[in-house]
Amino acid sequence: MENEDYICPMDVPVTEGVTGAPKLSEVEKLVVRRNSDPSPQEQRHLDMK
């Protein structure tokens, strides 16, 4: 049944209660933040990494 949970995230709406949805939205948030200009606080945080 493990294959049941592994659905291509691109084909699954984030509104669906699928196992992969939360991880996908987390990644999307990071991508959006990466693409948008980070605030000085965030920039400092990124530079420290």
N, C-alpha and C. Protein backbone atom coordinates (compact mmCIF):
# COMPACT_ATOMS: atom_id res chain seq x y z
N MET A 1 0.83 -1.22 0.00
CA MET A 1 0.00 0.00 0.00
C MET A 1 0.85 1.27 0.00
N GLU A 2 2.18 1.11 0.15
CA GLU A 2 3.03 2.30 0.21
C GLU A 2 2.97 3.07 -1.10
N ASN A 3 2.81 2.36 -2.22
CA ASN A 3 2.73 3.03 -3.50
C ASN A 3 1.50 3.94 -3.58
N GLU A 4 0.46 3.61 -2.82
CA GLU A 4 -0.75 4.43 -2.81
C GLU A 4 -0.42 5.86 -2.38
N ASP A 5 0.47 5.99 -1.38
CA ASP A 5 0.80 7.31 -0.86
C ASP A 5 1.72 8.07 -1.81
N TYR A 6 2.47 7.33 -2.63
CA TYR A 6 3.43 8.01 -3.50
C TYR A 6 2.75 8.40 -4.81
N ILE A 7 2.12 9.57 -4.79
CA ILE A 7 1.49 10.12 -6.00
C ILE A 7 2.32 11.31 -6.44
N CYS A 8 2.48 11.48 -7.73
CA CYS A 8 3.27 12.60 -8.23
C CYS A 8 2.69 13.90 -7.67
N PRO A 9 3.46 14.66 -6.88
CA PRO A 9 2.94 15.87 -6.24
C PRO A 9 2.35 16.85 -7.24
N MET A 10 2.90 16.89 -8.46
CA MET A 10 2.42 17.85 -9.46
C MET A 10 0.98 17.53 -9.86
N ASP A 11 0.59 16.25 -9.78
CA ASP A 11 -0.74 15.85 -10.21
C ASP A 11 -1.76 15.98 -9.08
N VAL A 12 -1.28 16.27 -7.87
CA VAL A 12 -2.18 16.29 -6.72
C VAL A 12 -2.40 17.73 -6.26
N PRO A 13 -3.65 18.18 -6.19
CA PRO A 13 -3.92 19.51 -5.65
C PRO A 13 -3.47 19.56 -4.19
N VAL A 14 -2.96 20.72 -3.78
CA VAL A 14 -2.46 20.84 -2.41
C VAL A 14 -3.61 20.71 -1.42
N THR A 15 -4.85 20.98 -1.88
CA THR A 15 -6.00 20.90 -0.99
C THR A 15 -6.28 19.45 -0.60
N GLU A 16 -5.83 18.51 -1.41
CA GLU A 16 -6.03 17.09 -1.10
C GLU A 16 -5.26 16.72 0.16
N GLY A 17 -5.84 15.87 1.00
CA GLY A 17 -5.15 15.45 2.21
C GLY A 17 -4.21 14.31 1.91
N VAL A 18 -3.26 14.54 1.01
CA VAL A 18 -2.33 13.49 0.61
C VAL A 18 -1.05 13.64 1.43
N THR A 19 -0.36 12.52 1.63
CA THR A 19 0.85 12.54 2.45
C THR A 19 1.87 13.52 1.90
N GLY A 20 1.97 13.62 0.58
CA GLY A 20 3.00 14.46 -0.01
C GLY A 20 2.65 15.94 -0.02
N ALA A 21 1.38 16.27 0.23
CA ALA A 21 0.95 17.66 0.09
C ALA A 21 1.67 18.61 1.05
N PRO A 22 1.75 18.30 2.34
CA PRO A 22 2.42 19.23 3.25
C PRO A 22 3.86 19.50 2.85
N LYS A 23 4.59 18.44 2.49
CA LYS A 23 5.98 18.62 2.09
C LYS A 23 6.06 19.51 0.85
N LEU A 24 5.14 19.29 -0.09
CA LEU A 24 5.16 20.06 -1.32
C LEU A 24 4.95 21.54 -1.01
N SER A 25 3.97 21.85 -0.17
CA SER A 25 3.70 23.24 0.13
C SER A 25 4.89 23.87 0.85
N GLU A 26 5.55 23.09 1.71
CA GLU A 26 6.75 23.62 2.38
C GLU A 26 7.81 23.99 1.35
N VAL A 27 8.01 23.10 0.38
CA VAL A 27 9.01 23.37 -0.66
C VAL A 27 8.59 24.59 -1.46
N GLU A 28 7.31 24.67 -1.80
CA GLU A 28 6.83 25.80 -2.59
C GLU A 28 7.07 27.10 -1.84
N LYS A 29 6.82 27.10 -0.52
CA LYS A 29 7.07 28.31 0.28
C LYS A 29 8.53 28.72 0.17
N LEU A 30 9.42 27.73 0.28
CA LEU A 30 10.85 28.03 0.20
C LEU A 30 11.20 28.60 -1.17
N VAL A 31 10.62 28.00 -2.21
CA VAL A 31 10.92 28.47 -3.57
C VAL A 31 10.42 29.90 -3.75
N VAL A 32 9.22 30.18 -3.28
CA VAL A 32 8.66 31.53 -3.42
C VAL A 32 9.53 32.52 -2.67
N ARG A 33 9.96 32.13 -1.45
CA ARG A 33 10.79 33.03 -0.65
C ARG A 33 12.13 33.24 -1.34
N ARG A 34 12.63 32.18 -1.96
CA ARG A 34 13.91 32.28 -2.65
C ARG A 34 13.80 33.23 -3.84
N ASN A 35 12.65 33.18 -4.53
CA ASN A 35 12.49 34.01 -5.73
C ASN A 35 12.17 35.45 -5.39
N SER A 36 11.48 35.68 -4.28
CA SER A 36 11.16 37.05 -3.91
C SER A 36 12.32 37.65 -3.14
N ASP A 37 12.42 38.97 -3.14
CA ASP A 37 13.51 39.62 -2.43
C ASP A 37 13.36 39.37 -0.94
N PRO A 38 14.36 38.76 -0.30
CA PRO A 38 14.27 38.51 1.13
C PRO A 38 14.47 39.81 1.92
N SER A 39 13.83 39.88 3.07
CA SER A 39 14.04 41.04 3.93
C SER A 39 15.47 40.98 4.47
N PRO A 40 16.03 42.10 4.93
CA PRO A 40 17.39 42.11 5.46
C PRO A 40 17.59 41.04 6.54
N GLN A 41 16.56 40.84 7.38
CA GLN A 41 16.67 39.83 8.43
C GLN A 41 16.84 38.45 7.81
N GLU A 42 16.00 38.15 6.82
CA GLU A 42 16.09 36.84 6.17
C GLU A 42 17.43 36.71 5.44
N GLN A 43 17.87 37.80 4.79
CA GLN A 43 19.12 37.75 4.04
C GLN A 43 20.27 37.42 4.98
N ARG A 44 20.28 38.05 6.16
CA ARG A 44 21.34 37.77 7.13
C ARG A 44 21.29 36.30 7.53
N HIS A 45 20.06 35.79 7.72
CA HIS A 45 19.89 34.39 8.11
C HIS A 45 20.43 33.46 7.02
N LEU A 46 20.15 33.80 5.76
CA LEU A 46 20.61 32.97 4.65
C LEU A 46 22.13 33.03 4.54
N ASP A 47 22.70 34.23 4.77
CA ASP A 47 24.15 34.37 4.66
C ASP A 47 24.87 33.56 5.73
N MET A 48 24.25 33.39 6.89
CA MET A 48 24.89 32.66 7.98
C MET A 48 24.97 31.17 7.66
N LYS A 49 24.05 30.67 6.84
CA LYS A 49 24.03 29.23 6.54
C LYS A 49 25.26 28.85 5.72
